[in-house]
């Protein structure tokens, strides 16, 4: 692939939404891997829910008992996976790591347990058509990566990389034939190091032609490698680039920037 100047083929545009808090209950739990679970939240207040940005964040609240003040309950941020605004349900995926409040609730809360959903407060919506894609992340970024991949044209080209512990934890991403998808196995290495090495190995000569939409999200340390590739070596357009830490090692309350 040859180097070229980026075009104005795609960009992220901000949209603000009315901030709503909605009560729901846990209606389904599906284990995808031994450390990755999909939860369905359901209730009439979820009717009308929408999430126009693939990288949207909602805040999910875990009240200890029914009738408690929902906004004061422990909470964490997640990317919506799918939803039905008419039927009133919403799916989120939870990567179980660190034993935090979200992981514990996702793994063990009984069906019917109360839950609250806030947001999304705003969205960054991809408009236009990228000439190529570069999507990379760990387990926490897979919902956003899958949503970006679902928006690709059939003739899209690019790369997707997902870092997971090993083959038993692989998280497949459906993508067009021209998009290479790789599962990076970190083994006993700290989260993010395998992905950072993969990003560092992509040089200028491997830059796709035209406007490359880039999305990189994992543990906070990934930011250096993501920016070095997309904004420095590949001279990407900041308006078509997202690089962020979705979580920070040793910091339970860390929230990704919007």
Foldseek 3Di string as FASTA:
>chain_A
DAADDADPQKFWDKDFDDKDKFKWFWADWDDPFPFKIKTKTFDLRLQVDDDQALPFKKKKFADPQPPDDRVPGDIDIFGWQDDDNHRGMTMTMDGQPDPDPVNVCSVDPDGGGMMMIIDPRMHTHMDGAFQAEEAEEEPRCVSSVLVVQVPHDLPHAYEYEYEDQDPSPDDDHDHHPRYHYYYFHPHPHPPPPSRLVVLVPDALRNADPYAYQYAYEYEAVSQVSQCCRACNRNVHDPRRYHHWYCHYPPDSPDHIDD
